[in-house]
Amino acid sequence: MLLLMVALRLARRQIIAYGILAGLLDLVIWLPGDPFYESTRSFLATATFQVLIVWRLWHRSRPAWVLAFLVALLSILLLGVLRLEFGTAAELVVLVAQVLVLTASSIWAYVWSTGRVPAASS
């Protein structure tokens, strides 16, 4: 039981790290060069999407994990075909970090395990 609680805490820390990376990604996109936000509305939509993904990951949502993973991976592939400016390179670094966090064994087990995880008192 203790091992399960330690794994739960580690997975939750990694979800927080993913959320921080998502926020960092929003800041990186404001840097000069491509890509960029079209408007404040597109920024707010992206931030809302990221908050929802983190919230659902916190609650062990498999579709949220798949969506977060695919968005990060496809963004890496799409940015790879663009010319590399500073903003694009910085975004690539953050996106690769997001993929690495999502594929860490503890968050993988947390989201994809079939057993019940006791509620953590945070």
PDB file of N, CA and C in Angstrom:
ATOM      1  N   MET A   1       0.817  -1.196   0.000  1.00  0.00           N
ATOM      2  CA  MET A   1       0.000   0.000   0.000  1.00  0.00           C
ATOM      3  C   MET A   1       0.862   1.262   0.000  1.00  0.00           C
ATOM      4  N   LEU A   2       1.966   1.212   0.759  1.00  0.00           N
ATOM      5  CA  LEU A   2       2.864   2.352   0.805  1.00  0.00           C
ATOM      6  C   LEU A   2       3.479   2.616  -0.572  1.00  0.00           C
ATOM      7  N   LEU A   3       3.848   1.540  -1.254  1.00  0.00           N
ATOM      8  CA  LEU A   3       4.430   1.676  -2.593  1.00  0.00           C
ATOM      9  C   LEU A   3       3.432   2.304  -3.565  1.00  0.00           C
ATOM     10  N   LEU A   4       2.180   1.937  -3.424  1.00  0.00           N
ATOM     11  CA  LEU A   4       1.132   2.497  -4.276  1.00  0.00           C
ATOM     12  C   LEU A   4       0.965   3.993  -4.024  1.00  0.00           C
ATOM     13  N   MET A   5       1.026   4.390  -2.764  1.00  0.00           N
ATOM     14  CA  MET A   5       0.892   5.810  -2.426  1.00  0.00           C
ATOM     15  C   MET A   5       2.087   6.611  -2.940  1.00  0.00           C
ATOM     16  N   VAL A   6       3.285   6.031  -2.877  1.00  0.00           N
ATOM     17  CA  VAL A   6       4.475   6.707  -3.395  1.00  0.00           C
ATOM     18  C   VAL A   6       4.350   6.882  -4.905  1.00  0.00           C
ATOM     19  N   ALA A   7       3.898   5.840  -5.589  1.00  0.00           N
ATOM     20  CA  ALA A   7       3.704   5.915  -7.042  1.00  0.00           C
ATOM     21  C   ALA A   7       2.648   6.963  -7.384  1.00  0.00           C
ATOM     22  N   LEU A   8       1.597   7.031  -6.590  1.00  0.00           N
ATOM     23  CA  LEU A   8       0.540   8.016  -6.808  1.00  0.00           C
ATOM     24  C   LEU A   8       1.094   9.433  -6.675  1.00  0.00           C
ATOM     25  N   ARG A   9       1.890   9.681  -5.637  1.00  0.00           N
ATOM     26  CA  ARG A   9       2.468  11.006  -5.451  1.00  0.00           C
ATOM     27  C   ARG A   9       3.414  11.374  -6.584  1.00  0.00           C
ATOM     28  N   LEU A  10       4.214  10.410  -7.029  1.00  0.00           N
ATOM     29  CA  LEU A  10       5.143  10.663  -8.125  1.00  0.00           C
ATOM     30  C   LEU A  10       4.382  10.992  -9.414  1.00  0.00           C
ATOM     31  N   ALA A  11       3.334  10.234  -9.695  1.00  0.00           N
ATOM     32  CA  ALA A  11       2.531  10.484 -10.893  1.00  0.00           C
ATOM     33  C   ALA A  11       1.878  11.856 -10.825  1.00  0.00           C
ATOM     34  N   ARG A  12       1.382  12.225  -9.668  1.00  0.00           N
ATOM     35  CA  ARG A  12       0.740  13.532  -9.530  1.00  0.00           C
ATOM     36  C   ARG A  12       1.759  14.660  -9.695  1.00  0.00           C
ATOM     37  N   ARG A  13       2.969  14.460  -9.193  1.00  0.00           N
ATOM     38  CA  ARG A  13       4.023  15.466  -9.397  1.00  0.00           C
ATOM     39  C   ARG A  13       4.336  15.611 -10.881  1.00  0.00           C
ATOM     40  N   GLN A  14       4.333  14.503 -11.595  1.00  0.00           N
ATOM     41  CA  GLN A  14       4.614  14.565 -13.025  1.00  0.00           C
ATOM     42  C   GLN A  14       3.470  15.231 -13.784  1.00  0.00           C
ATOM     43  N   ILE A  15       2.257  15.049 -13.323  1.00  0.00           N
ATOM     44  CA  ILE A  15       1.128  15.754 -13.942  1.00  0.00           C
ATOM     45  C   ILE A  15       1.282  17.257 -13.711  1.00  0.00           C
ATOM     46  N   ILE A  16       1.722  17.645 -12.521  1.00  0.00           N
ATOM     47  CA  ILE A  16       1.986  19.056 -12.248  1.00  0.00           C
ATOM     48  C   ILE A  16       3.104  19.562 -13.165  1.00  0.00           C
ATOM     49  N   ALA A  17       4.144  18.745 -13.342  1.00  0.00           N
ATOM     50  CA  ALA A  17       5.237  19.124 -14.246  1.00  0.00           C
ATOM     51  C   ALA A  17       4.715  19.305 -15.666  1.00  0.00           C
ATOM     52  N   TYR A  18       3.826  18.421 -16.099  1.00  0.00           N
ATOM     53  CA  TYR A  18       3.223  18.560 -17.428  1.00  0.00           C
ATOM     54  C   TYR A  18       2.458  19.884 -17.519  1.00  0.00           C
ATOM     55  N   GLY A  19       1.706  20.215 -16.473  1.00  0.00           N
ATOM     56  CA  GLY A  19       0.963  21.474 -16.458  1.00  0.00           C
ATOM     57  C   GLY A  19       1.883  22.691 -16.517  1.00  0.00           C
ATOM     58  N   ILE A  20       2.996  22.627 -15.804  1.00  0.00           N
ATOM     59  CA  ILE A  20       3.977  23.712 -15.845  1.00  0.00           C
ATOM     60  C   ILE A  20       4.561  23.832 -17.255  1.00  0.00           C
ATOM     61  N   LEU A  21       4.850  22.690 -17.869  1.00  0.00           N
ATOM     62  CA  LEU A  21       5.359  22.714 -19.246  1.00  0.00           C
ATOM     63  C   LEU A  21       4.332  23.301 -20.204  1.00  0.00           C
ATOM     64  N   ALA A  22       3.056  22.998 -19.974  1.00  0.00           N
ATOM     65  CA  ALA A  22       2.005  23.567 -20.828  1.00  0.00           C
ATOM     66  C   ALA A  22       1.980  25.086 -20.688  1.00  0.00           C
ATOM     67  N   GLY A  23       2.109  25.583 -19.455  1.00  0.00           N
ATOM     68  CA  GLY A  23       2.166  27.023 -19.241  1.00  0.00           C
ATOM     69  C   GLY A  23       3.406  27.640 -19.867  1.00  0.00           C
ATOM     70  N   LEU A  24       4.531  26.943 -19.750  1.00  0.00           N
ATOM     71  CA  LEU A  24       5.773  27.405 -20.370  1.00  0.00           C
ATOM     72  C   LEU A  24       5.633  27.453 -21.886  1.00  0.00           C
ATOM     73  N   LEU A  25       4.929  26.477 -22.432  1.00  0.00           N
ATOM     74  CA  LEU A  25       4.690  26.458 -23.871  1.00  0.00           C
ATOM     75  C   LEU A  25       3.928  27.708 -24.313  1.00  0.00           C
ATOM     76  N   ASP A  26       2.952  28.121 -23.510  1.00  0.00           N
ATOM     77  CA  ASP A  26       2.210  29.346 -23.824  1.00  0.00           C
ATOM     78  C   ASP A  26       3.127  30.564 -23.817  1.00  0.00           C
ATOM     79  N   LEU A  27       4.064  30.606 -22.886  1.00  0.00           N
ATOM     80  CA  LEU A  27       5.007  31.726 -22.834  1.00  0.00           C
ATOM     81  C   LEU A  27       5.970  31.697 -24.017  1.00  0.00           C
ATOM     82  N   VAL A  28       6.423  30.494 -24.381  1.00  0.00           N
ATOM     83  CA  VAL A  28       7.378  30.347 -25.486  1.00  0.00           C
ATOM     84  C   VAL A  28       6.750  30.803 -26.798  1.00  0.00           C
ATOM     85  N   ILE A  29       5.474  30.551 -26.972  1.00  0.00           N
ATOM     86  CA  ILE A  29       4.816  30.925 -28.228  1.00  0.00           C
ATOM     87  C   ILE A  29       4.753  32.441 -28.394  1.00  0.00           C
ATOM     88  N   TRP A  30       4.854  33.191 -27.292  1.00  0.00           N
ATOM     89  CA  TRP A  30       4.866  34.650 -27.383  1.00  0.00           C
ATOM     90  C   TRP A  30       6.227  35.182 -27.819  1.00  0.00           C
ATOM     91  N   LEU A  31       7.262  34.321 -27.870  1.00  0.00           N
ATOM     92  CA  LEU A  31       8.588  34.755 -28.308  1.00  0.00           C
ATOM     93  C   LEU A  31       8.564  35.105 -29.799  1.00  0.00           C
ATOM     94  N   PRO A  32       9.511  35.914 -30.246  1.00  0.00           N
ATOM     95  CA  PRO A  32       9.550  36.269 -31.671  1.00  0.00           C
ATOM     96  C   PRO A  32       9.738  35.042 -32.555  1.00  0.00           C
ATOM     97  N   GLY A  33       9.171  35.090 -33.723  1.00  0.00           N
ATOM     98  CA  GLY A  33       9.276  33.995 -34.682  1.00  0.00           C
ATOM     99  C   GLY A  33       8.021  33.146 -34.678  1.00  0.00           C
ATOM    100  N   ASP A  34       8.073  32.107 -35.473  1.00  0.00           N
ATOM    101  CA  ASP A  34       6.927  31.202 -35.551  1.00  0.00           C
ATOM    102  C   ASP A  34       7.087  30.122 -34.520  1.00  0.00           C
ATOM    103  N   PRO A  35       6.047  29.525 -34.045  1.00  0.00           N
ATOM    104  CA  PRO A  35       4.631  29.853 -34.231  1.00  0.00           C
ATOM    105  C   PRO A  35       4.214  31.000 -33.311  1.00  0.00           C
ATOM    106  N   PHE A  36       3.002  31.476 -33.506  1.00  0.00           N
ATOM    107  CA  PHE A  36       2.511  32.574 -32.689  1.00  0.00           C
ATOM    108  C   PHE A  36       0.994  32.418 -32.553  1.00  0.00           C
ATOM    109  N   TYR A  37       0.440  33.094 -31.556  1.00  0.00           N
ATOM    110  CA  TYR A  37      -1.008  33.086 -31.383  1.00  0.00           C
ATOM    111  C   TYR A  37      -1.626  34.110 -32.319  1.00  0.00           C
ATOM    112  N   GLU A  38      -2.703  33.719 -32.952  1.00  0.00           N
ATOM    113  CA  GLU A  38      -3.404  34.630 -33.868  1.00  0.00           C
ATOM    114  C   GLU A  38      -4.048  35.780 -33.105  1.00  0.00           C
ATOM    115  N   SER A  39      -4.590  35.476 -31.920  1.00  0.00           N
ATOM    116  CA  SER A  39      -5.300  36.495 -31.153  1.00  0.00           C
ATOM    117  C   SER A  39      -5.330  36.080 -29.683  1.00  0.00           C
ATOM    118  N   THR A  40      -5.836  36.977 -28.873  1.00  0.00           N
ATOM    119  CA  THR A  40      -6.009  36.671 -27.451  1.00  0.00           C
ATOM    120  C   THR A  40      -7.015  35.539 -27.287  1.00  0.00           C
ATOM    121  N   ARG A  41      -8.006  35.497 -28.135  1.00  0.00           N
ATOM    122  CA  ARG A  41      -9.024  34.443 -28.069  1.00  0.00           C
ATOM    123  C   ARG A  41      -8.403  33.064 -28.314  1.00  0.00           C
ATOM    124  N   SER A  42      -7.488  32.958 -29.266  1.00  0.00           N
ATOM    125  CA  SER A  42      -6.845  31.666 -29.521  1.00  0.00           C
ATOM    126  C   SER A  42      -5.937  31.274 -28.353  1.00  0.00           C
ATOM    127  N   PHE A  43      -5.299  32.268 -27.727  1.00  0.00           N
ATOM    128  CA  PHE A  43      -4.494  31.990 -26.542  1.00  0.00           C
ATOM    129  C   PHE A  43      -5.366  31.454 -25.412  1.00  0.00           C
ATOM    130  N   LEU A  44      -6.507  32.092 -25.182  1.00  0.00           N
ATOM    131  CA  LEU A  44      -7.407  31.651 -24.113  1.00  0.00           C
ATOM    132  C   LEU A  44      -7.977  30.266 -24.395  1.00  0.00           C
ATOM    133  N   ALA A  45      -8.286  29.978 -25.638  1.00  0.00           N
ATOM    134  CA  ALA A  45      -8.789  28.657 -25.998  1.00  0.00           C
ATOM    135  C   ALA A  45      -7.718  27.589 -25.741  1.00  0.00           C
ATOM    136  N   THR A  46      -6.481  27.887 -26.111  1.00  0.00           N
ATOM    137  CA  THR A  46      -5.386  26.946 -25.889  1.00  0.00           C
ATOM    138  C   THR A  46      -5.152  26.734 -24.406  1.00  0.00           C
ATOM    139  N   ALA A  47      -5.141  27.807 -23.632  1.00  0.00           N
ATOM    140  CA  ALA A  47      -4.927  27.686 -22.187  1.00  0.00           C
ATOM    141  C   ALA A  47      -6.050  26.894 -21.528  1.00  0.00           C
ATOM    142  N   THR A  48      -7.274  27.105 -21.955  1.00  0.00           N
ATOM    143  CA  THR A  48      -8.411  26.358 -21.411  1.00  0.00           C
ATOM    144  C   THR A  48      -8.277  24.875 -21.743  1.00  0.00           C
ATOM    145  N   PHE A  49      -7.902  24.566 -22.968  1.00  0.00           N
ATOM    146  CA  PHE A  49      -7.686  23.180 -23.378  1.00  0.00           C
ATOM    147  C   PHE A  49      -6.617  22.525 -22.501  1.00  0.00           C
ATOM    148  N   GLN A  50      -5.521  23.235 -22.260  1.00  0.00           N
ATOM    149  CA  GLN A  50      -4.435  22.685 -21.454  1.00  0.00           C
ATOM    150  C   GLN A  50      -4.867  22.446 -20.009  1.00  0.00           C
ATOM    151  N   VAL A  51      -5.626  23.369 -19.447  1.00  0.00           N
ATOM    152  CA  VAL A  51      -6.126  23.200 -18.078  1.00  0.00           C
ATOM    153  C   VAL A  51      -7.045  21.984 -18.000  1.00  0.00           C
ATOM    154  N   LEU A  52      -7.903  21.819 -18.989  1.00  0.00           N
ATOM    155  CA  LEU A  52      -8.797  20.656 -19.000  1.00  0.00           C
ATOM    156  C   LEU A  52      -8.022  19.344 -19.111  1.00  0.00           C
ATOM    157  N   ILE A  53      -6.972  19.325 -19.917  1.00  0.00           N
ATOM    158  CA  ILE A  53      -6.153  18.126 -20.050  1.00  0.00           C
ATOM    159  C   ILE A  53      -5.496  17.787 -18.717  1.00  0.00           C
ATOM    160  N   VAL A  54      -4.904  18.783 -18.055  1.00  0.00           N
ATOM    161  CA  VAL A  54      -4.253  18.542 -16.764  1.00  0.00           C
ATOM    162  C   VAL A  54      -5.275  18.064 -15.735  1.00  0.00           C
ATOM    163  N   TRP A  55      -6.432  18.674 -15.710  1.00  0.00           N
ATOM    164  CA  TRP A  55      -7.482  18.286 -14.766  1.00  0.00           C
ATOM    165  C   TRP A  55      -7.910  16.836 -15.000  1.00  0.00           C
ATOM    166  N   ARG A  56      -8.083  16.456 -16.256  1.00  0.00           N
ATOM    167  CA  ARG A  56      -8.496  15.087 -16.544  1.00  0.00           C
ATOM    168  C   ARG A  56      -7.365  14.092 -16.281  1.00  0.00           C
ATOM    169  N   LEU A  57      -6.128  14.470 -16.546  1.00  0.00           N
ATOM    170  CA  LEU A  57      -5.000  13.595 -16.208  1.00  0.00           C
ATOM    171  C   LEU A  57      -4.960  13.354 -14.702  1.00  0.00           C
ATOM    172  N   TRP A  58      -5.238  14.386 -13.936  1.00  0.00           N
ATOM    173  CA  TRP A  58      -5.249  14.273 -12.471  1.00  0.00           C
ATOM    174  C   TRP A  58      -6.262  13.215 -12.021  1.00  0.00           C
ATOM    175  N   HIS A  59      -7.316  13.074 -12.818  1.00  0.00           N
ATOM    176  CA  HIS A  59      -8.364  12.098 -12.504  1.00  0.00           C
ATOM    177  C   HIS A  59      -8.242  10.818 -13.328  1.00  0.00           C
ATOM    178  N   ARG A  60      -7.029  10.520 -13.809  1.00  0.00           N
ATOM    179  CA  ARG A  60      -6.677   9.264 -14.472  1.00  0.00           C
ATOM    180  C   ARG A  60      -7.432   9.037 -15.779  1.00  0.00           C
ATOM    181  N   SER A  61      -7.648  10.060 -16.560  1.00  0.00           N
ATOM    182  CA  SER A  61      -8.383   9.942 -17.810  1.00  0.00           C
ATOM    183  C   SER A  61      -7.471   9.441 -18.924  1.00  0.00           C
ATOM    184  N   ARG A  62      -7.800   8.298 -19.463  1.00  0.00           N
ATOM    185  CA  ARG A  62      -7.032   7.751 -20.590  1.00  0.00           C
ATOM    186  C   ARG A  62      -7.200   8.590 -21.855  1.00  0.00           C
ATOM    187  N   PRO A  63      -8.433   9.006 -22.190  1.00  0.00           N
ATOM    188  CA  PRO A  63      -8.569   9.856 -23.382  1.00  0.00           C
ATOM    189  C   PRO A  63      -7.774  11.165 -23.261  1.00  0.00           C
ATOM    190  N   ALA A  64      -7.692  11.730 -22.064  1.00  0.00           N
ATOM    191  CA  ALA A  64      -6.905  12.956 -21.878  1.00  0.00           C
ATOM    192  C   ALA A  64      -5.425  12.674 -22.111  1.00  0.00           C
ATOM    193  N   TRP A  65      -4.936  11.525 -21.635  1.00  0.00           N
ATOM    194  CA  TRP A  65      -3.530  11.170 -21.849  1.00  0.00           C
ATOM    195  C   TRP A  65      -3.258  11.004 -23.341  1.00  0.00           C
ATOM    196  N   VAL A  66      -4.137  10.280 -24.027  1.00  0.00           N
ATOM    197  CA  VAL A  66      -3.953  10.052 -25.463  1.00  0.00           C
ATOM    198  C   VAL A  66      -3.972  11.383 -26.215  1.00  0.00           C
ATOM    199  N   LEU A  67      -4.922  12.241 -25.877  1.00  0.00           N
ATOM    200  CA  LEU A  67      -5.030  13.539 -26.544  1.00  0.00           C
ATOM    201  C   LEU A  67      -3.789  14.401 -26.276  1.00  0.00           C
ATOM    202  N   ALA A  68      -3.345  14.452 -25.030  1.00  0.00           N
ATOM    203  CA  ALA A  68      -2.151  15.236 -24.693  1.00  0.00           C
ATOM    204  C   ALA A  68      -0.932  14.699 -25.430  1.00  0.00           C
ATOM    205  N   PHE A  69      -0.794  13.382 -25.465  1.00  0.00           N
ATOM    206  CA  PHE A  69       0.344  12.756 -26.133  1.00  0.00           C
ATOM    207  C   PHE A  69       0.321  13.041 -27.634  1.00  0.00           C
ATOM    208  N   LEU A  70      -0.846  12.866 -28.253  1.00  0.00           N
ATOM    209  CA  LEU A  70      -0.955  13.097 -29.692  1.00  0.00           C
ATOM    210  C   LEU A  70      -0.720  14.558 -30.064  1.00  0.00           C
ATOM    211  N   VAL A  71      -1.255  15.470 -29.275  1.00  0.00           N
ATOM    212  CA  VAL A  71      -1.056  16.898 -29.559  1.00  0.00           C
ATOM    213  C   VAL A  71       0.427  17.243 -29.479  1.00  0.00           C
ATOM    214  N   ALA A  72       1.098  16.770 -28.437  1.00  0.00           N
ATOM    215  CA  ALA A  72       2.530  17.063 -28.295  1.00  0.00           C
ATOM    216  C   ALA A  72       3.333  16.416 -29.423  1.00  0.00           C
ATOM    217  N   LEU A  73       3.045  15.155 -29.708  1.00  0.00           N
ATOM    218  CA  LEU A  73       3.802  14.441 -30.733  1.00  0.00           C
ATOM    219  C   LEU A  73       3.557  15.022 -32.128  1.00  0.00           C
ATOM    220  N   LEU A  74       2.309  15.284 -32.460  1.00  0.00           N
ATOM    221  CA  LEU A  74       2.002  15.859 -33.773  1.00  0.00           C
ATOM    222  C   LEU A  74       2.554  17.275 -33.905  1.00  0.00           C
ATOM    223  N   SER A  75       2.563  18.021 -32.815  1.00  0.00           N
ATOM    224  CA  SER A  75       3.149  19.366 -32.858  1.00  0.00           C
ATOM    225  C   SER A  75       4.640  19.291 -33.137  1.00  0.00           C
ATOM    226  N   ILE A  76       5.311  18.311 -32.542  1.00  0.00           N
ATOM    227  CA  ILE A  76       6.737  18.124 -32.796  1.00  0.00           C
ATOM    228  C   ILE A  76       6.960  17.822 -34.275  1.00  0.00           C
ATOM    229  N   LEU A  77       6.151  16.929 -34.823  1.00  0.00           N
ATOM    230  CA  LEU A  77       6.298  16.563 -36.233  1.00  0.00           C
ATOM    231  C   LEU A  77       6.017  17.748 -37.152  1.00  0.00           C
ATOM    232  N   LEU A  78       4.978  18.515 -36.845  1.00  0.00           N
ATOM    233  CA  LEU A  78       4.645  19.667 -37.681  1.00  0.00           C
ATOM    234  C   LEU A  78       5.695  20.770 -37.576  1.00  0.00           C
ATOM    235  N   LEU A  79       6.203  20.990 -36.381  1.00  0.00           N
ATOM    236  CA  LEU A  79       7.227  22.026 -36.217  1.00  0.00           C
ATOM    237  C   LEU A  79       8.545  21.608 -36.842  1.00  0.00           C
ATOM    238  N   GLY A  80       8.754  20.308 -36.944  1.00  0.00           N
ATOM    239  CA  GLY A  80       9.986  19.815 -37.552  1.00  0.00           C
ATOM    240  C   GLY A  80      10.111  20.177 -39.018  1.00  0.00           C
ATOM    241  N   VAL A  81       8.981  20.426 -39.689  1.00  0.00           N
ATOM    242  CA  VAL A  81       9.042  20.777 -41.108  1.00  0.00           C
ATOM    243  C   VAL A  81       9.164  22.289 -41.326  1.00  0.00           C
ATOM    244  N   LEU A  82       8.966  23.060 -40.260  1.00  0.00           N
ATOM    245  CA  LEU A  82       9.110  24.514 -40.369  1.00  0.00           C
ATOM    246  C   LEU A  82      10.579  24.896 -40.254  1.00  0.00           C
ATOM    247  N   ARG A  83      10.894  26.071 -40.701  1.00  0.00           N
ATOM    248  CA  ARG A  83      12.261  26.546 -40.485  1.00  0.00           C
ATOM    249  C   ARG A  83      12.424  26.824 -38.996  1.00  0.00           C
ATOM    250  N   LEU A  84      13.601  26.551 -38.502  1.00  0.00           N
ATOM    251  CA  LEU A  84      13.830  26.675 -37.073  1.00  0.00           C
ATOM    252  C   LEU A  84      14.273  28.085 -36.703  1.00  0.00           C
ATOM    253  N   GLU A  85      13.372  28.821 -36.119  1.00  0.00           N
ATOM    254  CA  GLU A  85      13.690  30.104 -35.518  1.00  0.00           C
ATOM    255  C   GLU A  85      13.772  29.879 -34.024  1.00  0.00           C
ATOM    256  N   PHE A  86      14.116  30.890 -33.273  1.00  0.00           N
ATOM    257  CA  PHE A  86      14.287  30.727 -31.836  1.00  0.00           C
ATOM    258  C   PHE A  86      12.999  30.261 -31.160  1.00  0.00           C
ATOM    259  N   GLY A  87      11.875  30.897 -31.493  1.00  0.00           N
ATOM    260  CA  GLY A  87      10.607  30.526 -30.875  1.00  0.00           C
ATOM    261  C   GLY A  87      10.208  29.094 -31.199  1.00  0.00           C
ATOM    262  N   THR A  88      10.427  28.666 -32.429  1.00  0.00           N
ATOM    263  CA  THR A  88      10.095  27.304 -32.844  1.00  0.00           C
ATOM    264  C   THR A  88      10.986  26.295 -32.136  1.00  0.00           C
ATOM    265  N   ALA A  89      12.265  26.594 -32.038  1.00  0.00           N
ATOM    266  CA  ALA A  89      13.192  25.684 -31.365  1.00  0.00           C
ATOM    267  C   ALA A  89      12.843  25.565 -29.882  1.00  0.00           C
ATOM    268  N   ALA A  90      12.506  26.677 -29.251  1.00  0.00           N
ATOM    269  CA  ALA A  90      12.124  26.644 -27.837  1.00  0.00           C
ATOM    270  C   ALA A  90      10.840  25.848 -27.648  1.00  0.00           C
ATOM    271  N   GLU A  91       9.893  25.999 -28.559  1.00  0.00           N
ATOM    272  CA  GLU A  91       8.650  25.238 -28.467  1.00  0.00           C
ATOM    273  C   GLU A  91       8.916  23.747 -28.640  1.00  0.00           C
ATOM    274  N   LEU A  92       9.805  23.400 -29.548  1.00  0.00           N
ATOM    275  CA  LEU A  92      10.163  21.988 -29.735  1.00  0.00           C
ATOM    276  C   LEU A  92      10.738  21.389 -28.459  1.00  0.00           C
ATOM    277  N   VAL A  93      11.579  22.134 -27.776  1.00  0.00           N
ATOM    278  CA  VAL A  93      12.170  21.635 -26.531  1.00  0.00           C
ATOM    279  C   VAL A  93      11.078  21.368 -25.497  1.00  0.00           C
ATOM    280  N   VAL A  94      10.146  22.291 -25.343  1.00  0.00           N
ATOM    281  CA  VAL A  94       9.065  22.120 -24.368  1.00  0.00           C
ATOM    282  C   VAL A  94       8.170  20.951 -24.762  1.00  0.00           C
ATOM    283  N   LEU A  95       7.860  20.813 -26.036  1.00  0.00           N
ATOM    284  CA  LEU A  95       7.006  19.708 -26.490  1.00  0.00           C
ATOM    285  C   LEU A  95       7.671  18.358 -26.267  1.00  0.00           C
ATOM    286  N   VAL A  96       8.964  18.262 -26.518  1.00  0.00           N
ATOM    287  CA  VAL A  96       9.680  17.006 -26.254  1.00  0.00           C
ATOM    288  C   VAL A  96       9.649  16.701 -24.760  1.00  0.00           C
ATOM    289  N   ALA A  97       9.805  17.732 -23.936  1.00  0.00           N
ATOM    290  CA  ALA A  97       9.720  17.524 -22.484  1.00  0.00           C
ATOM    291  C   ALA A  97       8.338  17.021 -22.093  1.00  0.00           C
ATOM    292  N   GLN A  98       7.283  17.543 -22.713  1.00  0.00           N
ATOM    293  CA  GLN A  98       5.929  17.069 -22.422  1.00  0.00           C
ATOM    294  C   GLN A  98       5.780  15.589 -22.783  1.00  0.00           C
ATOM    295  N   VAL A  99       6.289  15.189 -23.930  1.00  0.00           N
ATOM    296  CA  VAL A  99       6.212  13.781 -24.335  1.00  0.00           C
ATOM    297  C   VAL A  99       6.962  12.909 -23.338  1.00  0.00           C
ATOM    298  N   LEU A 100       8.122  13.355 -22.906  1.00  0.00           N
ATOM    299  CA  LEU A 100       8.896  12.580 -21.940  1.00  0.00           C
ATOM    300  C   LEU A 100       8.167  12.443 -20.605  1.00  0.00           C
ATOM    301  N   VAL A 101       7.517  13.510 -20.153  1.00  0.00           N
ATOM    302  CA  VAL A 101       6.757  13.441 -18.904  1.00  0.00           C
ATOM    303  C   VAL A 101       5.580  12.485 -19.056  1.00  0.00           C
ATOM    304  N   LEU A 102       4.873  12.578 -20.175  1.00  0.00           N
ATOM    305  CA  LEU A 102       3.701  11.723 -20.380  1.00  0.00           C
ATOM    306  C   LEU A 102       4.062  10.250 -20.502  1.00  0.00           C
ATOM    307  N   THR A 103       5.266   9.952 -20.966  1.00  0.00           N
ATOM    308  CA  THR A 103       5.649   8.552 -21.142  1.00  0.00           C
ATOM    309  C   THR A 103       6.467   8.011 -19.977  1.00  0.00           C
ATOM    310  N   ALA A 104       6.642   8.793 -18.923  1.00  0.00           N
ATOM    311  CA  ALA A 104       7.338   8.298 -17.730  1.00  0.00           C
ATOM    312  C   ALA A 104       6.533   7.135 -17.140  1.00  0.00           C
ATOM    313  N   SER A 105       7.237   6.169 -16.605  1.00  0.00           N
ATOM    314  CA  SER A 105       6.574   4.941 -16.146  1.00  0.00           C
ATOM    315  C   SER A 105       5.543   5.201 -15.055  1.00  0.00           C
ATOM    316  N   SER A 106       5.789   6.144 -14.157  1.00  0.00           N
ATOM    317  CA  SER A 106       4.838   6.363 -13.065  1.00  0.00           C
ATOM    318  C   SER A 106       3.534   6.989 -13.554  1.00  0.00           C
ATOM    319  N   ILE A 107       3.615   7.959 -14.452  1.00  0.00           N
ATOM    320  CA  ILE A 107       2.373   8.555 -14.957  1.00  0.00           C
ATOM    321  C   ILE A 107       1.650   7.569 -15.881  1.00  0.00           C
ATOM    322  N   TRP A 108       2.421   6.788 -16.614  1.00  0.00           N
ATOM    323  CA  TRP A 108       1.829   5.751 -17.472  1.00  0.00           C
ATOM    324  C   TRP A 108       1.031   4.764 -16.616  1.00  0.00           C
ATOM    325  N   ALA A 109       1.635   4.282 -15.553  1.00  0.00           N
ATOM    326  CA  ALA A 109       0.961   3.325 -14.668  1.00  0.00           C
ATOM    327  C   ALA A 109      -0.238   3.970 -13.978  1.00  0.00           C
ATOM    328  N   TYR A 110      -0.107   5.227 -13.604  1.00  0.00           N
ATOM    329  CA  TYR A 110      -1.190   5.932 -12.924  1.00  0.00           C
ATOM    330  C   TYR A 110      -2.420   6.044 -13.815  1.00  0.00           C
ATOM    331  N   VAL A 111      -2.214   6.414 -15.052  1.00  0.00           N
ATOM    332  CA  VAL A 111      -3.346   6.631 -15.960  1.00  0.00           C
ATOM    333  C   VAL A 111      -3.882   5.315 -16.507  1.00  0.00           C
ATOM    334  N   TRP A 112      -3.004   4.375 -16.841  1.00  0.00           N
ATOM    335  CA  TRP A 112      -3.414   3.176 -17.547  1.00  0.00           C
ATOM    336  C   TRP A 112      -3.653   1.961 -16.661  1.00  0.00           C
ATOM    337  N   SER A 113      -3.385   2.026 -15.356  1.00  0.00           N
ATOM    338  CA  SER A 113      -3.622   0.866 -14.505  1.00  0.00           C
ATOM    339  C   SER A 113      -5.119   0.636 -14.350  1.00  0.00           C
ATOM    340  N   THR A 114      -5.480  -0.611 -14.173  1.00  0.00           N
ATOM    341  CA  THR A 114      -6.890  -0.948 -14.044  1.00  0.00           C
ATOM    342  C   THR A 114      -7.334  -1.008 -12.589  1.00  0.00           C
ATOM    343  N   GLY A 115      -6.389  -1.067 -11.665  1.00  0.00           N
ATOM    344  CA  GLY A 115      -6.718  -1.141 -10.239  1.00  0.00           C
ATOM    345  C   GLY A 115      -7.170   0.197  -9.710  1.00  0.00           C
ATOM    346  N   ARG A 116      -7.853   0.156  -8.583  1.00  0.00           N
ATOM    347  CA  ARG A 116      -8.298   1.375  -7.932  1.00  0.00           C
ATOM    348  C   ARG A 116      -7.131   2.003  -7.173  1.00  0.00           C
ATOM    349  N   VAL A 117      -7.024   3.286  -7.289  1.00  0.00           N
ATOM    350  CA  VAL A 117      -5.982   4.017  -6.568  1.00  0.00           C
ATOM    351  C   VAL A 117      -6.661   4.771  -5.441  1.00  0.00           C
ATOM    352  N   PRO A 118      -6.165   4.626  -4.210  1.00  0.00           N
ATOM    353  CA  PRO A 118      -6.805   5.334  -3.099  1.00  0.00           C
ATOM    354  C   PRO A 118      -6.668   6.843  -3.285  1.00  0.00           C
ATOM    355  N   ALA A 119      -7.666   7.551  -2.810  1.00  0.00           N
ATOM    356  CA  ALA A 119      -7.649   9.002  -2.946  1.00  0.00           C
ATOM    357  C   ALA A 119      -6.506   9.569  -2.117  1.00  0.00           C
ATOM    358  N   ALA A 120      -5.790  10.495  -2.713  1.00  0.00           N
ATOM    359  CA  ALA A 120      -4.659  11.128  -2.009  1.00  0.00           C
ATOM    360  C   ALA A 120      -5.145  12.348  -1.285  1.00  0.00           C
ATOM    361  N   SER A 121      -4.719  12.491  -0.059  1.00  0.00           N
ATOM    362  CA  SER A 121      -5.077  13.685   0.682  1.00  0.00           C
ATOM    363  C   SER A 121      -4.033  14.749   0.402  1.00  0.00           C
ATOM    364  N   SER A 122      -4.421  15.732  -0.401  1.00  0.00           N
ATOM    365  CA  SER A 122      -3.472  16.766  -0.813  1.00  0.00           C
ATOM    366  C   SER A 122      -3.798  18.075  -0.162  1.00  0.00           C
TER     367      SER A 122
END
